[in-house]
């Protein structure tokens, strides 16, 4: 499984959504499951999956599916298409 597939899987499992829900730009609070609790759960799963620890500023700035890809690049996690 490549990094993009891992990333998608974390989102889909964290928020009980399908991959088609990731099209466009899924944003924080745009779905009921992506609230503050859901956000922290998703962050924890990403940290476990990619073996990283995110800085608090990055956790707060992680406001959308697309923005998350950019943030992970800071941690040398390449999310290819």
C-alpha atoms as a PDB file:
ATOM      1  CA  UNK A   1       0.000   0.000   0.000  1.00  0.00           C
ATOM      2  CA  UNK A   2       1.496   3.358  -0.990  1.00  0.00           C
ATOM      3  CA  UNK A   3       1.330   6.491   1.157  1.00  0.00           C
ATOM      4  CA  UNK A   4      -1.666   7.960  -0.684  1.00  0.00           C
ATOM      5  CA  UNK A   5      -3.638   4.766  -0.126  1.00  0.00           C
ATOM      6  CA  UNK A   6      -2.663   4.771   3.555  1.00  0.00           C
ATOM      7  CA  UNK A   7      -3.706   8.420   3.851  1.00  0.00           C
ATOM      8  CA  UNK A   8      -7.071   7.771   2.207  1.00  0.00           C
ATOM      9  CA  UNK A   9      -7.670   4.727   4.390  1.00  0.00           C
ATOM     10  CA  UNK A  10      -7.072   6.699   7.589  1.00  0.00           C
ATOM     11  CA  UNK A  11      -9.599   9.351   6.479  1.00  0.00           C
ATOM     12  CA  UNK A  12     -12.207   6.823   5.378  1.00  0.00           C
ATOM     13  CA  UNK A  13     -11.900   4.748   8.545  1.00  0.00           C
ATOM     14  CA  UNK A  14     -11.714   7.745  10.885  1.00  0.00           C
ATOM     15  CA  UNK A  15     -14.847   9.375   9.529  1.00  0.00           C
ATOM     16  CA  UNK A  16     -16.749   6.338   8.192  1.00  0.00           C
ATOM     17  CA  UNK A  17     -16.809   7.746   4.664  1.00  0.00           C
ATOM     18  CA  UNK A  18     -16.059   6.361   1.209  1.00  0.00           C
ATOM     19  CA  UNK A  19     -13.206   7.358  -1.076  1.00  0.00           C
ATOM     20  CA  UNK A  20     -15.628   9.319  -3.252  1.00  0.00           C
ATOM     21  CA  UNK A  21     -16.258  11.599  -0.262  1.00  0.00           C
ATOM     22  CA  UNK A  22     -12.589  12.637  -0.475  1.00  0.00           C
ATOM     23  CA  UNK A  23     -13.058  14.135  -3.940  1.00  0.00           C
ATOM     24  CA  UNK A  24     -13.164  17.908  -3.954  1.00  0.00           C
ATOM     25  CA  UNK A  25     -11.845  19.254  -0.697  1.00  0.00           C
ATOM     26  CA  UNK A  26     -13.108  17.632   2.463  1.00  0.00           C
ATOM     27  CA  UNK A  27     -12.719  20.172   5.268  1.00  0.00           C
ATOM     28  CA  UNK A  28     -12.844  20.191   9.050  1.00  0.00           C
ATOM     29  CA  UNK A  29     -16.472  20.364  10.261  1.00  0.00           C
ATOM     30  CA  UNK A  30     -17.796  19.793   6.721  1.00  0.00           C
ATOM     31  CA  UNK A  31     -19.083  16.419   7.912  1.00  0.00           C
ATOM     32  CA  UNK A  32     -20.466  15.578  11.329  1.00  0.00           C
ATOM     33  CA  UNK A  33     -17.739  13.042  12.137  1.00  0.00           C
ATOM     34  CA  UNK A  34     -14.937  15.568  11.592  1.00  0.00           C
ATOM     35  CA  UNK A  35     -15.387  17.468  14.812  1.00  0.00           C
ATOM     36  CA  UNK A  36     -12.703  18.115  17.432  1.00  0.00           C
ATOM     37  CA  UNK A  37     -12.821  14.552  18.783  1.00  0.00           C
ATOM     38  CA  UNK A  38     -12.819  13.032  15.298  1.00  0.00           C
ATOM     39  CA  UNK A  39      -9.952  15.324  14.355  1.00  0.00           C
ATOM     40  CA  UNK A  40      -7.729  14.155  17.194  1.00  0.00           C
ATOM     41  CA  UNK A  41      -8.569  10.517  16.499  1.00  0.00           C
ATOM     42  CA  UNK A  42      -7.642  10.954  12.832  1.00  0.00           C
ATOM     43  CA  UNK A  43      -4.385  12.730  13.769  1.00  0.00           C
ATOM     44  CA  UNK A  44      -3.497   9.881  16.128  1.00  0.00           C
ATOM     45  CA  UNK A  45      -4.124   7.316  13.390  1.00  0.00           C
ATOM     46  CA  UNK A  46      -1.985   9.282  10.932  1.00  0.00           C
ATOM     47  CA  UNK A  47       0.833   9.528  13.466  1.00  0.00           C
ATOM     48  CA  UNK A  48       0.665   5.778  14.068  1.00  0.00           C
ATOM     49  CA  UNK A  49       0.437   4.915  10.364  1.00  0.00           C
ATOM     50  CA  UNK A  50       3.367   7.112   9.322  1.00  0.00           C
ATOM     51  CA  UNK A  51       5.431   6.813  12.543  1.00  0.00           C
ATOM     52  CA  UNK A  52       5.547  10.573  13.159  1.00  0.00           C
ATOM     53  CA  UNK A  53       4.632  13.036  15.893  1.00  0.00           C
ATOM     54  CA  UNK A  54       3.013  16.200  14.613  1.00  0.00           C
ATOM     55  CA  UNK A  55       3.680  19.607  16.073  1.00  0.00           C
ATOM     56  CA  UNK A  56       0.642  21.206  17.743  1.00  0.00           C
ATOM     57  CA  UNK A  57       0.632  24.001  15.144  1.00  0.00           C
ATOM     58  CA  UNK A  58       0.370  21.425  12.350  1.00  0.00           C
ATOM     59  CA  UNK A  59      -2.460  19.634  14.150  1.00  0.00           C
ATOM     60  CA  UNK A  60      -4.388  22.894  14.412  1.00  0.00           C
ATOM     61  CA  UNK A  61      -3.570  23.863  10.809  1.00  0.00           C
ATOM     62  CA  UNK A  62      -4.708  20.453   9.494  1.00  0.00           C
ATOM     63  CA  UNK A  63      -7.993  21.884   8.243  1.00  0.00           C
ATOM     64  CA  UNK A  64      -8.697  19.841   5.121  1.00  0.00           C
ATOM     65  CA  UNK A  65      -7.868  16.642   3.298  1.00  0.00           C
ATOM     66  CA  UNK A  66      -5.670  18.536   0.824  1.00  0.00           C
ATOM     67  CA  UNK A  67      -3.982  20.658   3.510  1.00  0.00           C
ATOM     68  CA  UNK A  68      -3.069  17.450   5.329  1.00  0.00           C
ATOM     69  CA  UNK A  69      -1.058  16.257   2.333  1.00  0.00           C
ATOM     70  CA  UNK A  70       1.026  19.438   2.489  1.00  0.00           C
ATOM     71  CA  UNK A  71       1.536  19.128   6.223  1.00  0.00           C
ATOM     72  CA  UNK A  72       2.714  15.513   5.918  1.00  0.00           C
ATOM     73  CA  UNK A  73       5.359  16.609   3.404  1.00  0.00           C
ATOM     74  CA  UNK A  74       6.978  18.562   6.251  1.00  0.00           C
ATOM     75  CA  UNK A  75       7.509  15.201   7.956  1.00  0.00           C
ATOM     76  CA  UNK A  76       9.060  13.710   4.816  1.00  0.00           C
ATOM     77  CA  UNK A  77       5.883  11.746   4.025  1.00  0.00           C
ATOM     78  CA  UNK A  78       5.413  11.892   0.279  1.00  0.00           C
ATOM     79  CA  UNK A  79       1.756  11.586  -0.713  1.00  0.00           C
ATOM     80  CA  UNK A  80       1.809  10.793  -4.432  1.00  0.00           C
ATOM     81  CA  UNK A  81      -1.198  10.750  -6.695  1.00  0.00           C
END
